[in-house]
C-alpha atoms as a PDB file:
ATOM      1  CA  MET A   1     151.776  85.268 118.354  1.00  0.00           C
ATOM      2  CA  PHE A   2     153.001  83.252 121.333  1.00  0.00           C
ATOM      3  CA  ARG A   3     156.686  83.524 122.178  1.00  0.00           C
ATOM      4  CA  LEU A   4     158.077  81.496 125.070  1.00  0.00           C
ATOM      5  CA  ARG A   5     160.523  84.298 125.753  1.00  0.00           C
ATOM      6  CA  ASP A   6     157.611  86.560 126.673  1.00  0.00           C
ATOM      7  CA  ALA A   7     156.558  84.164 129.411  1.00  0.00           C
ATOM      8  CA  PHE A   8     159.818  84.809 131.247  1.00  0.00           C
ATOM      9  CA  GLU A   9     160.642  88.397 130.345  1.00  0.00           C
ATOM     10  CA  GLY A  10     157.271  90.127 130.721  1.00  0.00           C
ATOM     11  CA  GLU A  11     156.327  91.795 134.000  1.00  0.00           C
ATOM     12  CA  PRO A  12     155.312  90.883 136.649  1.00  0.00           C
ATOM     13  CA  VAL A  13     157.143  87.549 136.330  1.00  0.00           C
ATOM     14  CA  ASP A  14     160.522  88.067 137.982  1.00  0.00           C
ATOM     15  CA  THR A  15     163.083  85.807 136.309  1.00  0.00           C
ATOM     16  CA  SER A  16     165.935  86.504 138.738  1.00  0.00           C
ATOM     17  CA  TYR A  17     165.168  83.279 140.632  1.00  0.00           C
ATOM     18  CA  TRP A  18     165.315  80.930 137.632  1.00  0.00           C
ATOM     19  CA  TRP A  19     168.162  78.533 138.029  1.00  0.00           C
ATOM     20  CA  PRO A  20     169.478  77.809 135.552  1.00  0.00           C
ATOM     21  CA  ARG A  21     168.016  80.096 132.938  1.00  0.00           C
ATOM     22  CA  ALA A  22     166.705  77.151 130.943  1.00  0.00           C
ATOM     23  CA  PRO A  23     163.095  76.531 131.966  1.00  0.00           C
ATOM     24  CA  SER A  24     161.141  73.702 130.363  1.00  0.00           C
ATOM     25  CA  ILE A  25     157.414  73.619 129.662  1.00  0.00           C
ATOM     26  CA  PHE A  26     155.972  70.659 131.532  1.00  0.00           C
ATOM     27  CA  GLY A  27     152.399  71.184 130.381  1.00  0.00           C
ATOM     28  CA  ALA A  28     150.160  73.672 128.601  1.00  0.00           C
ATOM     29  CA  GLU A  29     146.407  73.459 129.028  1.00  0.00           C
ATOM     30  CA  ASP A  30     143.483  75.045 130.838  1.00  0.00           C
ATOM     31  CA  PHE A  31     144.317  73.659 134.289  1.00  0.00           C
ATOM     32  CA  ASN A  32     142.055  75.980 136.294  1.00  0.00           C
ATOM     33  CA  GLY A  33     138.925  76.057 134.109  1.00  0.00           C
ATOM     34  CA  ASP A  34     139.105  79.740 133.168  1.00  0.00           C
ATOM     35  CA  GLY A  35     139.046  79.033 129.427  1.00  0.00           C
ATOM     36  CA  LYS A  36     142.679  80.147 128.963  1.00  0.00           C
ATOM     37  CA  ILE A  37     145.824  78.073 128.567  1.00  0.00           C
ATOM     38  CA  GLU A  38     148.182  78.016 131.548  1.00  0.00           C
ATOM     39  CA  LEU A  39     151.817  76.926 131.409  1.00  0.00           C
ATOM     40  CA  ALA A  40     153.389  74.558 133.931  1.00  0.00           C
ATOM     41  CA  VAL A  41     157.099  75.302 133.773  1.00  0.00           C
ATOM     42  CA  THR A  42     160.000  73.556 135.500  1.00  0.00           C
ATOM     43  CA  SER A  43     163.565  74.632 136.076  1.00  0.00           C
ATOM     44  CA  HIS A  44     166.203  72.155 137.281  1.00  0.00           C
ATOM     45  CA  GLN A  45     169.374  72.871 139.220  1.00  0.00           C
ATOM     46  CA  CYS A  46     172.101  70.642 140.591  1.00  0.00           C
ATOM     47  CA  GLY A  47     174.507  71.641 143.324  1.00  0.00           C
ATOM     48  CA  ALA A  48     177.492  69.851 144.801  1.00  0.00           C
ATOM     49  CA  HIS A  49     175.443  67.067 146.391  1.00  0.00           C
ATOM     50  CA  THR A  50     171.886  67.100 145.155  1.00  0.00           C
ATOM     51  CA  CYS A  51     169.538  68.367 142.492  1.00  0.00           C
ATOM     52  CA  SER A  52     166.310  70.329 142.805  1.00  0.00           C
ATOM     53  CA  VAL A  53     163.386  71.145 140.599  1.00  0.00           C
ATOM     54  CA  ARG A  54     161.381  74.353 140.796  1.00  0.00           C
ATOM     55  CA  LEU A  55     157.828  74.476 139.434  1.00  0.00           C
ATOM     56  CA  PHE A  56     155.948  77.534 138.231  1.00  0.00           C
ATOM     57  CA  VAL A  57     152.421  77.863 136.875  1.00  0.00           C
ATOM     58  CA  LEU A  58     151.980  80.850 134.568  1.00  0.00           C
ATOM     59  CA  GLY A  59     148.787  82.343 133.204  1.00  0.00           C
ATOM     60  CA  PHE A  60     148.328  85.066 130.610  1.00  0.00           C
ATOM     61  CA  SER A  61     146.159  87.951 131.800  1.00  0.00           C
ATOM     62  CA  ASP A  62     146.034  91.674 131.092  1.00  0.00           C
ATOM     63  CA  GLY A  63     148.641  91.334 128.341  1.00  0.00           C
ATOM     64  CA  ARG A  64     151.273  89.664 130.502  1.00  0.00           C
ATOM     65  CA  TYR A  65     152.220  86.362 132.104  1.00  0.00           C
ATOM     66  CA  GLN A  66     151.592  86.093 135.825  1.00  0.00           C
ATOM     67  CA  LEU A  67     152.601  83.562 138.447  1.00  0.00           C
ATOM     68  CA  LEU A  68     149.622  81.443 139.446  1.00  0.00           C
ATOM     69  CA  LEU A  69     151.207  79.744 142.460  1.00  0.00           C
ATOM     70  CA  ARG A  70     150.577  81.480 145.772  1.00  0.00           C
ATOM     71  CA  ASN A  71     153.917  82.564 147.160  1.00  0.00           C
ATOM     72  CA  THR A  72     154.530  81.323 150.701  1.00  0.00           C
ATOM     73  CA  ALA A  73     157.412  81.364 153.156  1.00  0.00           C
ATOM     74  CA  ASP A  74     158.147  77.754 152.123  1.00  0.00           C
ATOM     75  CA  ALA A  75     158.085  78.559 148.419  1.00  0.00           C
ATOM     76  CA  PRO A  76     158.497  82.300 147.732  1.00  0.00           C
ATOM     77  CA  PHE A  77     159.342  81.687 144.061  1.00  0.00           C
ATOM     78  CA  GLY A  78     157.345  78.691 142.910  1.00  0.00           C
ATOM     79  CA  VAL A  79     157.473  75.221 144.410  1.00  0.00           C
ATOM     80  CA  VAL A  80     160.846  73.592 145.067  1.00  0.00           C
ATOM     81  CA  GLY A  81     161.482  69.907 145.573  1.00  0.00           C
ATOM     82  CA  ALA A  82     163.943  67.106 145.133  1.00  0.00           C
ATOM     83  CA  PRO A  83     163.457  65.486 141.724  1.00  0.00           C
ATOM     84  CA  ASP A  84     163.776  61.817 142.636  1.00  0.00           C
ATOM     85  CA  ALA A  85     160.073  60.919 142.753  1.00  0.00           C
ATOM     86  CA  ASP A  86     157.831  59.039 140.338  1.00  0.00           C
ATOM     87  CA  ASN A  87     155.074  61.135 138.750  1.00  0.00           C
ATOM     88  CA  GLN A  88     156.556  64.176 140.442  1.00  0.00           C
ATOM     89  CA  ILE A  89     154.274  66.802 138.919  1.00  0.00           C
ATOM     90  CA  ARG A  90     150.765  66.218 137.743  1.00  0.00           C
ATOM     91  CA  PHE A  91     147.441  67.978 137.509  1.00  0.00           C
ATOM     92  CA  GLU A  92     144.302  66.073 138.471  1.00  0.00           C
ATOM     93  CA  ASP A  93     140.986  66.792 140.143  1.00  0.00           C
ATOM     94  CA  THR A  94     141.472  65.363 143.637  1.00  0.00           C
ATOM     95  CA  ASN A  95     138.504  67.024 145.349  1.00  0.00           C
ATOM     96  CA  GLY A  96     135.762  66.644 142.704  1.00  0.00           C
ATOM     97  CA  ASP A  97     135.311  70.353 141.969  1.00  0.00           C
ATOM     98  CA  GLY A  98     135.977  69.902 138.236  1.00  0.00           C
ATOM     99  CA  LEU A  99     139.263  71.852 138.346  1.00  0.00           C
ATOM    100  CA  SER A 100     142.744  70.402 138.056  1.00  0.00           C
ATOM    101  CA  ASP A 101     144.629  70.455 141.347  1.00  0.00           C
ATOM    102  CA  LEU A 102     148.412  70.621 141.325  1.00  0.00           C
ATOM    103  CA  ILE A 103     150.019  67.518 142.820  1.00  0.00           C
ATOM    104  CA  PHE A 104     153.731  67.853 143.547  1.00  0.00           C
ATOM    105  CA  ARG A 105     155.566  64.743 144.701  1.00  0.00           C
ATOM    106  CA  GLN A 106     158.629  65.530 146.799  1.00  0.00           C
ATOM    107  CA  GLY A 107     161.547  63.207 146.114  1.00  0.00           C
ATOM    108  CA  LEU A 108     164.436  62.091 148.264  1.00  0.00           C
ATOM    109  CA  ILE A 109     167.585  64.126 148.616  1.00  0.00           C
ATOM    110  CA  ASN A 110     170.580  62.030 147.613  1.00  0.00           C
ATOM    111  CA  SER A 111     172.983  63.492 150.134  1.00  0.00           C
ATOM    112  CA  ALA A 112     174.135  62.130 153.482  1.00  0.00           C
ATOM    113  CA  GLY A 113     174.117  65.688 154.811  1.00  0.00           C
ATOM    114  CA  ALA A 114     170.368  65.935 154.240  1.00  0.00           C
ATOM    115  CA  GLY A 115     169.645  63.796 157.291  1.00  0.00           C
ATOM    116  CA  LEU A 116     166.463  61.789 157.679  1.00  0.00           C
ATOM    117  CA  HIS A 117     163.729  62.550 155.195  1.00  0.00           C
ATOM    118  CA  ARG A 118     160.942  60.792 153.342  1.00  0.00           C
ATOM    119  CA  LEU A 119     158.748  61.132 150.318  1.00  0.00           C
ATOM    120  CA  ALA A 120     155.814  63.517 150.552  1.00  0.00           C
ATOM    121  CA  THR A 121     152.963  64.625 148.313  1.00  0.00           C
ATOM    122  CA  GLU A 122     151.915  68.281 148.315  1.00  0.00           C
ATOM    123  CA  THR A 123     148.543  69.386 146.973  1.00  0.00           C
ATOM    124  CA  TYR A 124     147.813  72.895 145.724  1.00  0.00           C
ATOM    125  CA  LEU A 125     144.189  73.895 145.030  1.00  0.00           C
ATOM    126  CA  TRP A 126     142.877  76.617 142.729  1.00  0.00           C
ATOM    127  CA  ASP A 127     141.255  79.350 144.848  1.00  0.00           C
ATOM    128  CA  GLY A 128     139.887  81.377 141.924  1.00  0.00           C
ATOM    129  CA  ASP A 129     143.025  83.513 141.719  1.00  0.00           C
ATOM    130  CA  ARG A 130     146.046  81.281 142.350  1.00  0.00           C
ATOM    131  CA  TYR A 131     147.072  77.756 143.249  1.00  0.00           C
ATOM    132  CA  THR A 132     147.512  77.715 147.023  1.00  0.00           C
ATOM    133  CA  PHE A 133     149.104  75.122 149.272  1.00  0.00           C
ATOM    134  CA  ALA A 134     146.419  72.824 150.719  1.00  0.00           C
ATOM    135  CA  SER A 135     148.197  69.825 152.236  1.00  0.00           C
ATOM    136  CA  ARG A 136     151.395  67.825 152.604  1.00  0.00           C
ATOM    137  CA  ASP A 137     151.021  64.080 153.107  1.00  0.00           C
ATOM    138  CA  TYR A 138     154.099  62.128 154.099  1.00  0.00           C
ATOM    139  CA  ASP A 139     154.660  58.527 153.114  1.00  0.00           C
ATOM    140  CA  PRO A 140     154.664  56.083 156.035  1.00  0.00           C
ATOM    141  CA  SER A 141     158.032  55.169 157.490  1.00  0.00           C
ATOM    142  CA  ASP A 142     159.313  52.494 159.843  1.00  0.00           C
ATOM    143  CA  LEU A 143     161.983  54.831 161.225  1.00  0.00           C
ATOM    144  CA  ARG A 144     161.343  55.660 164.904  1.00  0.00           C
ATOM    145  CA  TYR A 145     162.039  59.360 164.254  1.00  0.00           C
ATOM    146  CA  PHE A 146     159.113  59.606 161.821  1.00  0.00           C
ATOM    147  CA  LYS A 147     156.856  57.440 163.995  1.00  0.00           C
ATOM    148  CA  VAL A 148     157.334  59.925 166.830  1.00  0.00           C
ATOM    149  CA  ARG A 149     156.755  62.886 164.477  1.00  0.00           C
ATOM    150  CA  ASP A 150     153.583  61.264 163.101  1.00  0.00           C
ATOM    151  CA  GLY A 151     152.410  60.491 166.617  1.00  0.00           C
ATOM    152  CA  ASP A 152     153.027  64.078 167.674  1.00  0.00           C
ATOM    153  CA  ASP A 153     151.051  65.386 164.679  1.00  0.00           C
ATOM    154  CA  ALA A 154     148.157  63.011 165.460  1.00  0.00           C
ATOM    155  CA  PHE A 155     148.217  64.086 169.127  1.00  0.00           C
ATOM    156  CA  ALA A 156     148.075  67.766 168.095  1.00  0.00           C
ATOM    157  CA  ARG A 157     144.970  66.965 165.988  1.00  0.00           C
ATOM    158  CA  GLY A 158     143.376  65.237 168.971  1.00  0.00           C
ATOM    159  CA  ASP A 159     143.658  61.805 167.342  1.00  0.00           C
ATOM    160  CA  TYR A 160     144.998  60.058 170.444  1.00  0.00           C
ATOM    161  CA  GLN A 161     144.434  56.516 169.175  1.00  0.00           C
ATOM    162  CA  THR A 162     146.596  57.104 166.094  1.00  0.00           C
ATOM    163  CA  ALA A 163     149.179  58.919 168.219  1.00  0.00           C
ATOM    164  CA  ASP A 164     149.419  55.937 170.558  1.00  0.00           C
ATOM    165  CA  ARG A 165     149.711  53.458 167.663  1.00  0.00           C
ATOM    166  CA  SER A 166     152.402  55.554 165.986  1.00  0.00           C
ATOM    167  CA  VAL A 167     154.798  55.374 168.892  1.00  0.00           C
ATOM    168  CA  SER A 168     153.872  52.049 170.502  1.00  0.00           C
ATOM    169  CA  ASN A 169     153.893  49.786 167.397  1.00  0.00           C
ATOM    170  CA  ARG A 170     150.481  48.448 168.423  1.00  0.00           C
ATOM    171  CA  ASP A 171     147.711  47.927 165.891  1.00  0.00           C
ATOM    172  CA  GLU A 172     144.800  47.490 168.284  1.00  0.00           C
END
């Protein structure tokens, strides 16, 4: 018998980082093609100036629920983002491998103290064991700060034509 409580109390899922302790199931289906149902779970939190959403993907294996998002320095306990984005969380096959990739749309932070920021889309791919961060694509911006950042990124990739266009406002 499935009990939601087991998804958050069973080892090795550490629930100490849930904020608040009221997670919501976003989706339940076989996202990764292993023939088992995975749970996409969100937890929302609001502070003094802004709100955040944290996303977890849980799978049941060896008699317990396990986190299926690769922990990174950026997201040691699931994926965190600002919730003000359309279609913020979705699963779709973006690379044609027949498996659902996790698409997480980063919203804007509604706080003057946040400084300059812009929408971004993060993609996490199934590696056979966990969903791992694959890419972060930022929305275009007309702000000079982001044009310089985009130009710098293009220069680092060796894409000198794009780097020049980013900072010079030339299209040729």
